[in-house]
C-alpha atoms as a PDB file:
ATOM      1  CA  MET A   1      61.349 -48.841  -2.418  1.00  0.00           C
ATOM      2  CA  VAL A   2      58.675 -47.925   0.486  1.00  0.00           C
ATOM      3  CA  ALA A   3      56.101 -45.511   0.001  1.00  0.00           C
ATOM      4  CA  SER A   4      56.437 -42.168   1.759  1.00  0.00           C
ATOM      5  CA  THR A   5      54.044 -41.831   4.791  1.00  0.00           C
ATOM      6  CA  ASP A   6      55.022 -38.162   5.306  1.00  0.00           C
ATOM      7  CA  PRO A   7      51.647 -36.303   6.480  1.00  0.00           C
ATOM      8  CA  THR A   8      52.190 -33.352   5.544  1.00  0.00           C
ATOM      9  CA  ARG A   9      52.368 -34.114   1.883  1.00  0.00           C
ATOM     10  CA  ALA A  10      48.684 -35.256   2.018  1.00  0.00           C
ATOM     11  CA  PRO A  11      46.921 -32.340   2.755  1.00  0.00           C
ATOM     12  CA  ALA A  12      48.575 -30.830   0.159  1.00  0.00           C
ATOM     13  CA  ALA A  13      47.897 -33.196  -2.680  1.00  0.00           C
ATOM     14  CA  GLN A  14      44.378 -32.940  -1.832  1.00  0.00           C
ATOM     15  CA  ARG A  15      44.399 -29.246  -2.026  1.00  0.00           C
ATOM     16  CA  SER A  16      45.393 -29.457  -6.036  1.00  0.00           C
ATOM     17  CA  GLY A  17      43.696 -30.870  -9.026  1.00  0.00           C
ATOM     18  CA  ARG A  18      40.973 -32.896  -9.164  1.00  0.00           C
ATOM     19  CA  PRO A  19      39.802 -32.946  -5.285  1.00  0.00           C
ATOM     20  CA  PHE A  20      39.707 -28.909  -5.346  1.00  0.00           C
ATOM     21  CA  VAL A  21      37.172 -29.450  -7.826  1.00  0.00           C
ATOM     22  CA  ALA A  22      35.681 -31.810  -6.335  1.00  0.00           C
ATOM     23  CA  ARG A  23      35.267 -30.107  -3.214  1.00  0.00           C
ATOM     24  CA  HIS A  24      34.287 -26.429  -4.450  1.00  0.00           C
ATOM     25  CA  ARG A  25      31.941 -28.149  -7.496  1.00  0.00           C
ATOM     26  CA  GLU A  26      28.934 -27.055  -6.144  1.00  0.00           C
ATOM     27  CA  ALA A  27      30.680 -22.959  -5.834  1.00  0.00           C
ATOM     28  CA  LEU A  28      32.296 -23.328  -9.208  1.00  0.00           C
ATOM     29  CA  THR A  29      28.943 -24.379 -10.973  1.00  0.00           C
ATOM     30  CA  GLY A  30      27.114 -21.372  -9.281  1.00  0.00           C
ATOM     31  CA  LEU A  31      30.012 -19.167 -10.374  1.00  0.00           C
ATOM     32  CA  ALA A  32      29.897 -20.480 -13.844  1.00  0.00           C
ATOM     33  CA  PHE A  33      26.158 -19.892 -14.133  1.00  0.00           C
ATOM     34  CA  ILE A  34      26.112 -16.059 -13.118  1.00  0.00           C
ATOM     35  CA  ALA A  35      29.511 -15.447 -14.695  1.00  0.00           C
ATOM     36  CA  PRO A  36      27.546 -14.183 -17.780  1.00  0.00           C
ATOM     37  CA  ALA A  37      24.901 -11.947 -16.064  1.00  0.00           C
ATOM     38  CA  ALA A  38      28.079 -10.511 -13.693  1.00  0.00           C
ATOM     39  CA  VAL A  39      30.175  -9.550 -17.012  1.00  0.00           C
ATOM     40  CA  PHE A  40      26.976  -8.335 -18.955  1.00  0.00           C
ATOM     41  CA  LEU A  41      26.411  -6.080 -15.997  1.00  0.00           C
ATOM     42  CA  VAL A  42      30.001  -4.851 -15.710  1.00  0.00           C
ATOM     43  CA  VAL A  43      29.605  -4.036 -19.415  1.00  0.00           C
ATOM     44  CA  VAL A  44      26.393  -2.160 -19.384  1.00  0.00           C
ATOM     45  CA  MET A  45      26.454  -0.821 -16.064  1.00  0.00           C
ATOM     46  CA  GLY A  46      30.130  -0.739 -15.823  1.00  0.00           C
ATOM     47  CA  PHE A  47      31.314   1.564 -18.991  1.00  0.00           C
ATOM     48  CA  PRO A  48      28.610   3.976 -18.714  1.00  0.00           C
ATOM     49  CA  LEU A  49      29.692   4.838 -14.997  1.00  0.00           C
ATOM     50  CA  ALA A  50      33.444   5.266 -15.494  1.00  0.00           C
ATOM     51  CA  TYR A  51      32.647   7.194 -18.791  1.00  0.00           C
ATOM     52  CA  LEU A  52      29.728   9.560 -16.087  1.00  0.00           C
ATOM     53  CA  VAL A  53      32.397  10.296 -13.690  1.00  0.00           C
ATOM     54  CA  ARG A  54      35.477  10.669 -16.097  1.00  0.00           C
ATOM     55  CA  HIS A  55      33.658  13.425 -18.249  1.00  0.00           C
ATOM     56  CA  SER A  56      32.390  15.208 -14.610  1.00  0.00           C
ATOM     57  CA  PHE A  57      36.296  16.095 -14.378  1.00  0.00           C
ATOM     58  CA  LEU A  58      36.117  17.715 -17.616  1.00  0.00           C
ATOM     59  CA  ASP A  59      35.428  21.124 -19.009  1.00  0.00           C
ATOM     60  CA  GLU A  60      33.986  20.483 -21.901  1.00  0.00           C
ATOM     61  CA  ASN A  61      31.167  22.376 -24.310  1.00  0.00           C
ATOM     62  CA  PHE A  62      29.475  20.064 -26.877  1.00  0.00           C
ATOM     63  CA  ALA A  63      28.303  23.662 -28.792  1.00  0.00           C
ATOM     64  CA  ASP A  64      31.992  24.203 -29.377  1.00  0.00           C
ATOM     65  CA  PRO A  65      33.901  20.837 -29.979  1.00  0.00           C
ATOM     66  CA  ALA A  66      36.944  22.468 -31.323  1.00  0.00           C
ATOM     67  CA  ALA A  67      37.236  24.150 -27.858  1.00  0.00           C
ATOM     68  CA  GLY A  68      37.836  20.135 -26.648  1.00  0.00           C
ATOM     69  CA  ALA A  69      38.198  19.238 -23.378  1.00  0.00           C
ATOM     70  CA  ARG A  70      40.071  20.305 -20.656  1.00  0.00           C
ATOM     71  CA  PHE A  71      40.713  18.184 -17.378  1.00  0.00           C
ATOM     72  CA  ILE A  72      40.109  20.541 -14.279  1.00  0.00           C
ATOM     73  CA  TRP A  73      39.409  17.709 -11.435  1.00  0.00           C
ATOM     74  CA  PHE A  74      37.005  18.813  -9.113  1.00  0.00           C
ATOM     75  CA  GLY A  75      36.181  22.169 -10.519  1.00  0.00           C
ATOM     76  CA  ASN A  76      32.323  21.092 -11.550  1.00  0.00           C
ATOM     77  CA  TYR A  77      31.823  19.943  -8.287  1.00  0.00           C
ATOM     78  CA  ALA A  78      33.181  23.122  -6.997  1.00  0.00           C
ATOM     79  CA  LYS A  79      31.613  25.018  -9.383  1.00  0.00           C
ATOM     80  CA  LEU A  80      28.229  23.143  -8.481  1.00  0.00           C
ATOM     81  CA  LEU A  81      28.243  23.552  -4.588  1.00  0.00           C
ATOM     82  CA  GLY A  82      28.697  27.037  -5.057  1.00  0.00           C
ATOM     83  CA  ASP A  83      25.514  27.524  -7.010  1.00  0.00           C
ATOM     84  CA  PRO A  84      22.388  28.700  -5.466  1.00  0.00           C
ATOM     85  CA  GLU A  85      20.404  27.135  -8.475  1.00  0.00           C
ATOM     86  CA  PHE A  86      22.080  24.002  -7.470  1.00  0.00           C
ATOM     87  CA  TRP A  87      20.975  23.373  -4.280  1.00  0.00           C
ATOM     88  CA  ARG A  88      17.391  25.266  -5.141  1.00  0.00           C
ATOM     89  CA  SER A  89      16.876  22.410  -7.826  1.00  0.00           C
ATOM     90  CA  THR A  90      18.051  20.182  -5.184  1.00  0.00           C
ATOM     91  CA  ARG A  91      15.389  21.289  -2.008  1.00  0.00           C
ATOM     92  CA  VAL A  92      12.758  20.925  -4.489  1.00  0.00           C
ATOM     93  CA  THR A  93      13.112  17.368  -5.354  1.00  0.00           C
ATOM     94  CA  VAL A  94      13.687  16.441  -1.609  1.00  0.00           C
ATOM     95  CA  VAL A  95      10.264  18.067  -0.911  1.00  0.00           C
ATOM     96  CA  ILE A  96       8.431  16.094  -3.578  1.00  0.00           C
ATOM     97  CA  VAL A  97      10.593  12.983  -2.718  1.00  0.00           C
ATOM     98  CA  VAL A  98       9.629  13.405   1.103  1.00  0.00           C
ATOM     99  CA  PHE A  99       6.150  14.512   0.488  1.00  0.00           C
ATOM    100  CA  ALA A 100       5.014  12.093  -2.297  1.00  0.00           C
ATOM    101  CA  VAL A 101       6.944   8.954  -0.963  1.00  0.00           C
ATOM    102  CA  SER A 102       5.442   9.327   2.146  1.00  0.00           C
ATOM    103  CA  ALA A 103       1.807   9.815   1.050  1.00  0.00           C
ATOM    104  CA  GLU A 104       2.519   7.014  -1.590  1.00  0.00           C
ATOM    105  CA  PHE A 105       3.247   4.681   1.314  1.00  0.00           C
ATOM    106  CA  LEU A 106       0.189   5.607   3.590  1.00  0.00           C
ATOM    107  CA  LEU A 107      -2.378   5.606   0.795  1.00  0.00           C
ATOM    108  CA  GLY A 108      -0.659   1.963  -0.800  1.00  0.00           C
ATOM    109  CA  LEU A 109      -0.734   0.029   2.413  1.00  0.00           C
ATOM    110  CA  GLY A 110      -4.357   1.302   2.947  1.00  0.00           C
ATOM    111  CA  VAL A 111      -5.491   0.344  -0.470  1.00  0.00           C
ATOM    112  CA  ALA A 112      -3.149  -2.711   0.413  1.00  0.00           C
ATOM    113  CA  LEU A 113      -5.393  -3.798   3.239  1.00  0.00           C
ATOM    114  CA  LEU A 114      -7.716  -3.119   1.055  1.00  0.00           C
ATOM    115  CA  LEU A 115      -7.439  -5.303  -1.761  1.00  0.00           C
ATOM    116  CA  GLN A 116      -6.362  -8.478   0.769  1.00  0.00           C
ATOM    117  CA  ARG A 117      -9.606  -8.535   1.694  1.00  0.00           C
ATOM    118  CA  ALA A 118     -12.054 -11.389  -0.114  1.00  0.00           C
ATOM    119  CA  LEU A 119     -13.704  -8.652  -2.477  1.00  0.00           C
ATOM    120  CA  ALA A 120     -16.245  -9.669  -5.260  1.00  0.00           C
ATOM    121  CA  GLY A 121     -14.133  -8.933  -8.769  1.00  0.00           C
ATOM    122  CA  ARG A 122     -10.701  -8.740  -6.392  1.00  0.00           C
ATOM    123  CA  ARG A 123      -8.606  -9.372  -9.312  1.00  0.00           C
ATOM    124  CA  MET A 124     -10.602  -6.995 -12.021  1.00  0.00           C
ATOM    125  CA  LEU A 125     -10.053  -4.186  -9.510  1.00  0.00           C
ATOM    126  CA  ILE A 126      -6.592  -5.025  -8.863  1.00  0.00           C
ATOM    127  CA  ALA A 127      -5.989  -4.425 -12.440  1.00  0.00           C
ATOM    128  CA  LEU A 128      -7.870  -0.860 -12.499  1.00  0.00           C
ATOM    129  CA  VAL A 129      -6.236   0.143  -9.552  1.00  0.00           C
ATOM    130  CA  LEU A 130      -2.723  -0.669 -11.251  1.00  0.00           C
ATOM    131  CA  ILE A 131      -3.650   1.540 -14.564  1.00  0.00           C
ATOM    132  CA  PRO A 132      -1.832   4.794 -13.454  1.00  0.00           C
ATOM    133  CA  SER A 133       1.529   3.332 -12.975  1.00  0.00           C
ATOM    134  CA  MET A 134       1.368   1.599 -16.244  1.00  0.00           C
ATOM    135  CA  MET A 135       1.220   5.432 -18.083  1.00  0.00           C
ATOM    136  CA  MET A 136       3.829   6.731 -19.568  1.00  0.00           C
ATOM    137  CA  PRO A 137       4.903   9.934 -16.497  1.00  0.00           C
ATOM    138  CA  ILE A 138       4.922  12.666 -19.726  1.00  0.00           C
ATOM    139  CA  GLY A 139       1.503  11.499 -20.584  1.00  0.00           C
ATOM    140  CA  VAL A 140       0.282  11.583 -17.179  1.00  0.00           C
ATOM    141  CA  GLY A 141       2.017  15.474 -16.881  1.00  0.00           C
ATOM    142  CA  LEU A 142       0.148  16.678 -19.793  1.00  0.00           C
ATOM    143  CA  MET A 143      -2.888  15.295 -18.871  1.00  0.00           C
ATOM    144  CA  TRP A 144      -2.580  16.719 -15.494  1.00  0.00           C
ATOM    145  CA  ARG A 145      -1.461  20.050 -17.058  1.00  0.00           C
ATOM    146  CA  TYR A 146      -4.711  20.374 -18.753  1.00  0.00           C
ATOM    147  CA  MET A 147      -6.979  19.321 -16.364  1.00  0.00           C
ATOM    148  CA  LEU A 148      -5.526  21.922 -13.875  1.00  0.00           C
ATOM    149  CA  ASP A 149      -5.520  24.686 -16.742  1.00  0.00           C
ATOM    150  CA  ASP A 150      -7.719  27.670 -15.714  1.00  0.00           C
ATOM    151  CA  GLY A 151      -9.623  27.863 -19.040  1.00  0.00           C
ATOM    152  CA  TYR A 152     -10.486  24.517 -19.745  1.00  0.00           C
ATOM    153  CA  GLY A 153      -9.332  22.382 -16.831  1.00  0.00           C
ATOM    154  CA  ILE A 154     -11.962  20.044 -15.146  1.00  0.00           C
ATOM    155  CA  VAL A 155     -10.582  20.189 -11.634  1.00  0.00           C
ATOM    156  CA  SER A 156     -10.277  24.153 -12.661  1.00  0.00           C
ATOM    157  CA  TYR A 157     -13.853  23.894 -13.469  1.00  0.00           C
ATOM    158  CA  TYR A 158     -15.221  22.195 -10.183  1.00  0.00           C
ATOM    159  CA  LEU A 159     -13.046  24.525  -8.047  1.00  0.00           C
ATOM    160  CA  SER A 160     -14.586  27.432  -9.422  1.00  0.00           C
ATOM    161  CA  ARG A 161     -17.648  26.209  -8.881  1.00  0.00           C
ATOM    162  CA  LEU A 162     -17.113  25.283  -5.287  1.00  0.00           C
ATOM    163  CA  GLY A 163     -16.094  28.791  -4.549  1.00  0.00           C
ATOM    164  CA  LEU A 164     -12.324  27.563  -4.316  1.00  0.00           C
ATOM    165  CA  ALA A 165     -10.804  29.026  -7.057  1.00  0.00           C
ATOM    166  CA  GLY A 166     -11.306  32.676  -8.431  1.00  0.00           C
ATOM    167  CA  PRO A 167     -10.808  36.120  -7.249  1.00  0.00           C
ATOM    168  CA  ASN A 168     -12.190  35.512  -4.050  1.00  0.00           C
ATOM    169  CA  GLY A 169     -11.215  32.068  -3.763  1.00  0.00           C
ATOM    170  CA  LEU A 170      -8.379  29.927  -2.209  1.00  0.00           C
ATOM    171  CA  PHE A 171      -6.999  29.994  -5.328  1.00  0.00           C
ATOM    172  CA  ALA A 172      -7.145  32.956  -6.863  1.00  0.00           C
ATOM    173  CA  GLY A 173      -4.804  32.743  -9.406  1.00  0.00           C
ATOM    174  CA  SER A 174      -3.074  29.908 -11.829  1.00  0.00           C
ATOM    175  CA  ILE A 175      -2.632  27.059 -10.020  1.00  0.00           C
ATOM    176  CA  LEU A 176       0.574  25.914 -11.772  1.00  0.00           C
ATOM    177  CA  GLY A 177       1.549  29.585 -12.067  1.00  0.00           C
ATOM    178  CA  SER A 178       1.926  29.917  -8.174  1.00  0.00           C
ATOM    179  CA  ALA A 179       5.123  28.670  -6.712  1.00  0.00           C
ATOM    180  CA  HIS A 180       3.192  26.721  -4.057  1.00  0.00           C
ATOM    181  CA  THR A 181       0.342  25.271  -5.514  1.00  0.00           C
ATOM    182  CA  ALA A 182       2.373  24.208  -8.829  1.00  0.00           C
ATOM    183  CA  LEU A 183       4.696  22.017  -6.638  1.00  0.00           C
ATOM    184  CA  ALA A 184       1.792  20.758  -4.478  1.00  0.00           C
ATOM    185  CA  SER A 185       0.272  19.778  -8.152  1.00  0.00           C
ATOM    186  CA  LEU A 186       3.528  18.175  -9.231  1.00  0.00           C
ATOM    187  CA  ILE A 187       3.790  15.976  -6.041  1.00  0.00           C
ATOM    188  CA  LEU A 188      -0.010  15.109  -6.053  1.00  0.00           C
ATOM    189  CA  THR A 189       0.554  13.548  -9.403  1.00  0.00           C
ATOM    190  CA  ASP A 190       3.462  11.704  -8.486  1.00  0.00           C
ATOM    191  CA  VAL A 191       0.674  10.223  -6.003  1.00  0.00           C
ATOM    192  CA  TRP A 192      -2.044   9.608  -8.379  1.00  0.00           C
ATOM    193  CA  GLU A 193       0.670   7.546 -10.537  1.00  0.00           C
ATOM    194  CA  TRP A 194       3.365   5.685  -8.068  1.00  0.00           C
ATOM    195  CA  THR A 195       0.319   5.156  -5.462  1.00  0.00           C
ATOM    196  CA  PRO A 196      -0.581   1.966  -7.077  1.00  0.00           C
ATOM    197  CA  PHE A 197       2.781   0.743  -7.874  1.00  0.00           C
ATOM    198  CA  MET A 198       3.516   1.179  -3.473  1.00  0.00           C
ATOM    199  CA  ALA A 199       0.065  -0.799  -3.203  1.00  0.00           C
ATOM    200  CA  LEU A 200       1.123  -3.535  -5.074  1.00  0.00           C
ATOM    201  CA  ILE A 201       4.368  -4.369  -3.316  1.00  0.00           C
ATOM    202  CA  LEU A 202       2.970  -4.065  -0.038  1.00  0.00           C
ATOM    203  CA  LEU A 203       0.059  -6.503  -1.203  1.00  0.00           C
ATOM    204  CA  ALA A 204       2.370  -8.831  -2.077  1.00  0.00           C
ATOM    205  CA  GLY A 205       4.250  -8.838   1.160  1.00  0.00           C
ATOM    206  CA  LEU A 206       0.660  -8.886   3.057  1.00  0.00           C
ATOM    207  CA  GLU A 207      -0.203 -12.177   0.848  1.00  0.00           C
ATOM    208  CA  SER A 208       3.079 -13.626   2.090  1.00  0.00           C
ATOM    209  CA  LEU A 209       2.440 -13.438   5.515  1.00  0.00           C
ATOM    210  CA  PRO A 210       1.679 -16.171   7.864  1.00  0.00           C
ATOM    211  CA  THR A 211      -1.316 -17.158   9.362  1.00  0.00           C
ATOM    212  CA  GLU A 212      -0.786 -18.755  12.450  1.00  0.00           C
ATOM    213  CA  PRO A 213       0.563 -15.711  14.663  1.00  0.00           C
ATOM    214  CA  TYR A 214      -3.140 -13.690  13.780  1.00  0.00           C
ATOM    215  CA  GLU A 215      -4.508 -17.125  14.441  1.00  0.00           C
ATOM    216  CA  ALA A 216      -2.453 -16.834  18.272  1.00  0.00           C
ATOM    217  CA  ALA A 217      -3.254 -13.326  18.419  1.00  0.00           C
ATOM    218  CA  ALA A 218      -7.299 -14.075  18.198  1.00  0.00           C
ATOM    219  CA  VAL A 219      -7.043 -16.895  21.043  1.00  0.00           C
ATOM    220  CA  ASP A 220      -5.172 -14.172  22.743  1.00  0.00           C
ATOM    221  CA  GLY A 221      -8.503 -11.451  22.711  1.00  0.00           C
ATOM    222  CA  ALA A 222      -6.200  -9.177  20.544  1.00  0.00           C
ATOM    223  CA  SER A 223      -7.545  -6.585  18.761  1.00  0.00           C
ATOM    224  CA  ALA A 224      -7.623  -5.669  15.184  1.00  0.00           C
ATOM    225  CA  TRP A 225      -5.296  -2.932  15.784  1.00  0.00           C
ATOM    226  CA  GLN A 226      -3.065  -4.420  17.873  1.00  0.00           C
ATOM    227  CA  GLU A 227      -2.827  -7.229  15.532  1.00  0.00           C
ATOM    228  CA  PHE A 228      -2.251  -4.645  12.411  1.00  0.00           C
ATOM    229  CA  ARG A 229       0.702  -2.707  15.118  1.00  0.00           C
ATOM    230  CA  LEU A 230       1.994  -5.714  16.342  1.00  0.00           C
ATOM    231  CA  LEU A 231       2.241  -8.405  13.781  1.00  0.00           C
ATOM    232  CA  THR A 232       1.512  -6.368  10.074  1.00  0.00           C
ATOM    233  CA  LEU A 233       3.733  -3.976  10.337  1.00  0.00           C
ATOM    234  CA  PRO A 234       6.575  -5.927  12.003  1.00  0.00           C
ATOM    235  CA  MET A 235       6.577  -9.020   9.678  1.00  0.00           C
ATOM    236  CA  LEU A 236       5.902  -6.537   6.713  1.00  0.00           C
ATOM    237  CA  ARG A 237       9.017  -4.571   7.399  1.00  0.00           C
ATOM    238  CA  ALA A 238      10.989  -6.163   4.256  1.00  0.00           C
ATOM    239  CA  ALA A 239       8.484  -5.567   1.674  1.00  0.00           C
ATOM    240  CA  ILE A 240       8.011  -1.857   3.097  1.00  0.00           C
ATOM    241  CA  THR A 241      11.756  -1.746   2.663  1.00  0.00           C
ATOM    242  CA  VAL A 242      11.476  -2.635  -0.917  1.00  0.00           C
ATOM    243  CA  ALA A 243       8.695  -0.222  -1.318  1.00  0.00           C
ATOM    244  CA  LEU A 244      10.679   2.396   0.029  1.00  0.00           C
ATOM    245  CA  LEU A 245      13.766   2.017  -1.662  1.00  0.00           C
ATOM    246  CA  ILE A 246      12.433   1.430  -5.037  1.00  0.00           C
ATOM    247  CA  ARG A 247      10.157   4.685  -5.375  1.00  0.00           C
ATOM    248  CA  ILE A 248      12.621   6.690  -3.233  1.00  0.00           C
ATOM    249  CA  ALA A 249      15.559   5.892  -6.310  1.00  0.00           C
ATOM    250  CA  ASP A 250      13.262   6.643  -8.797  1.00  0.00           C
ATOM    251  CA  ALA A 251      11.608   9.997  -7.217  1.00  0.00           C
ATOM    252  CA  MET A 252      14.894  11.351  -6.660  1.00  0.00           C
ATOM    253  CA  ARG A 253      15.222  11.297 -10.522  1.00  0.00           C
ATOM    254  CA  ILE A 254      11.879  12.805 -10.736  1.00  0.00           C
ATOM    255  CA  LEU A 255      12.060  14.561 -14.439  1.00  0.00           C
ATOM    256  CA  ASP A 256       8.684  13.473 -17.171  1.00  0.00           C
ATOM    257  CA  ILE A 257       6.501  14.914 -15.051  1.00  0.00           C
ATOM    258  CA  VAL A 258       8.211  18.665 -13.963  1.00  0.00           C
ATOM    259  CA  PHE A 259       9.484  18.640 -17.456  1.00  0.00           C
ATOM    260  CA  SER A 260       5.488  18.095 -18.969  1.00  0.00           C
ATOM    261  CA  MET A 261       3.421  20.023 -16.304  1.00  0.00           C
ATOM    262  CA  THR A 262       5.898  23.178 -15.749  1.00  0.00           C
ATOM    263  CA  ASN A 263       9.156  23.078 -17.288  1.00  0.00           C
ATOM    264  CA  GLY A 264      10.258  24.008 -13.928  1.00  0.00           C
ATOM    265  CA  GLY A 265       8.031  27.076 -13.518  1.00  0.00           C
ATOM    266  CA  PRO A 266       7.366  29.403 -12.226  1.00  0.00           C
ATOM    267  CA  ALA A 267      10.979  31.172 -12.103  1.00  0.00           C
ATOM    268  CA  ASN A 268      12.231  27.769 -11.175  1.00  0.00           C
ATOM    269  CA  ALA A 269      10.179  27.220  -8.450  1.00  0.00           C
ATOM    270  CA  THR A 270       9.177  23.449  -9.633  1.00  0.00           C
ATOM    271  CA  GLU A 271      12.745  22.643 -11.134  1.00  0.00           C
ATOM    272  CA  THR A 272      14.113  19.223  -9.946  1.00  0.00           C
ATOM    273  CA  ALA A 273      17.530  17.582  -9.874  1.00  0.00           C
ATOM    274  CA  GLN A 274      17.165  16.045 -13.309  1.00  0.00           C
ATOM    275  CA  LEU A 275      15.487  19.003 -14.708  1.00  0.00           C
ATOM    276  CA  PHE A 276      18.368  21.064 -13.780  1.00  0.00           C
ATOM    277  CA  SER A 277      20.835  18.824 -15.187  1.00  0.00           C
ATOM    278  CA  TYR A 278      18.962  18.281 -18.165  1.00  0.00           C
ATOM    279  CA  LYS A 279      19.020  22.597 -18.776  1.00  0.00           C
ATOM    280  CA  VAL A 280      22.741  22.699 -18.243  1.00  0.00           C
ATOM    281  CA  GLY A 281      23.720  19.468 -20.055  1.00  0.00           C
ATOM    282  CA  PHE A 282      21.515  20.274 -23.210  1.00  0.00           C
ATOM    283  CA  GLU A 283      20.625  24.108 -23.453  1.00  0.00           C
ATOM    284  CA  GLN A 284      23.237  25.467 -21.867  1.00  0.00           C
ATOM    285  CA  PHE A 285      25.618  22.638 -23.621  1.00  0.00           C
ATOM    286  CA  HIS A 286      28.020  22.767 -19.847  1.00  0.00           C
ATOM    287  CA  THR A 287      28.500  18.651 -20.383  1.00  0.00           C
ATOM    288  CA  GLY A 288      31.139  18.207 -17.544  1.00  0.00           C
ATOM    289  CA  LEU A 289      28.574  20.581 -15.190  1.00  0.00           C
ATOM    290  CA  ALA A 290      25.528  17.724 -15.858  1.00  0.00           C
ATOM    291  CA  PHE A 291      27.547  14.598 -15.384  1.00  0.00           C
ATOM    292  CA  ALA A 292      29.123  15.928 -12.201  1.00  0.00           C
ATOM    293  CA  GLN A 293      25.328  17.166 -11.605  1.00  0.00           C
ATOM    294  CA  VAL A 294      24.353  13.272 -12.081  1.00  0.00           C
ATOM    295  CA  VAL A 295      27.217  12.002  -9.986  1.00  0.00           C
ATOM    296  CA  LEU A 296      26.512  14.270  -6.810  1.00  0.00           C
ATOM    297  CA  VAL A 297      22.768  13.615  -7.004  1.00  0.00           C
ATOM    298  CA  GLY A 298      23.112   9.582  -7.707  1.00  0.00           C
ATOM    299  CA  SER A 299      25.621   9.432  -4.729  1.00  0.00           C
ATOM    300  CA  ALA A 300      23.425  10.582  -1.917  1.00  0.00           C
ATOM    301  CA  THR A 301      20.462   8.514  -3.679  1.00  0.00           C
ATOM    302  CA  VAL A 302      22.601   6.066  -2.909  1.00  0.00           C
ATOM    303  CA  PHE A 303      23.533   7.211   0.530  1.00  0.00           C
ATOM    304  CA  VAL A 304      20.253   7.892   1.431  1.00  0.00           C
ATOM    305  CA  CYS A 305      18.439   4.359   0.366  1.00  0.00           C
ATOM    306  CA  ALA A 306      21.823   2.905   2.486  1.00  0.00           C
ATOM    307  CA  LEU A 307      20.980   4.530   5.468  1.00  0.00           C
ATOM    308  CA  ILE A 308      17.060   3.023   5.493  1.00  0.00           C
ATOM    309  CA  PHE A 309      18.588  -0.127   4.383  1.00  0.00           C
ATOM    310  CA  ARG A 310      21.143  -0.095   7.553  1.00  0.00           C
ATOM    311  CA  ARG A 311      18.347   1.333   9.949  1.00  0.00           C
ATOM    312  CA  ILE A 312      15.426  -1.004   8.950  1.00  0.00           C
ATOM    313  CA  ALA A 313      17.787  -4.008   9.168  1.00  0.00           C
ATOM    314  CA  HIS A 314      19.393  -2.621  12.604  1.00  0.00           C
ATOM    315  CA  ASP A 315      15.659  -2.857  14.101  1.00  0.00           C
ATOM    316  CA  GLY A 316      15.657  -6.456  13.651  1.00  0.00           C
ATOM    317  CA  GLY A 317      13.853  -6.627   9.841  1.00  0.00           C
ATOM    318  CA  ARG A 318      15.061  -9.137   7.039  1.00  0.00           C
ATOM    319  CA  VAL A 319      15.030  -7.856   3.349  1.00  0.00           C
END
């Protein structure tokens, strides 16, 4: 019997059985290693997200479980979009994110540039700088609340000594009792706590930059500002992107500091989106509305972070 020499059968034989495994052994090995982590993420993250989205379409009240839950599709979303309190809390959150994250980036970059220098006791200084970011946010809020208290707060005391607080001072009333100064105090507190975190990420990025471009720039006679603007910032783009994305996503869900310092007051002037969701869900027990609000704010956060990532990547940065 003559063996078949049909060339069309060889590829089919090679694509089946052991040859396929041999050709894709590296890819299959990688999939096998990440499979447990992927399954874990799907279970741990996928189920809560599906639960959250499903309940955002329900009209339910945990204070009256006997009433049951009624499927109302996008009724909760429509109600939220027509609620002025929702938009006010969202606006307050955006203000905090824009001003706090911007200040944290500028200050963190300055601190990182300072710590990059070979200073005496550099390691100890880095550890001390990171202390605020290691503290619990609700504890930080309580600490600043007592420091800004009109009766016994140390900040209010020195402001009054400088003539900035009191009947004729810049801060005539209570710092946390005025809408503008209360919001500014929240931003200041957030900046105080999270600037070290921003500085740590940027410092790690600075430490990883190659030295050859700086040596070439020194030979060409570039100034320190030119090196910073034309070399440091472009090469630091990846670290800047990571730092901004992490802080924006984290600042969008700010709750602890606001809850412990002002609880949204005065007159809901400092009520953030997460505090609004907490009050709707745990004080008014309208859980469907609370879930819908979390979905809206979370989707907006993902969208903004994606735009920032795409813009920086489009400008030539690698992340």
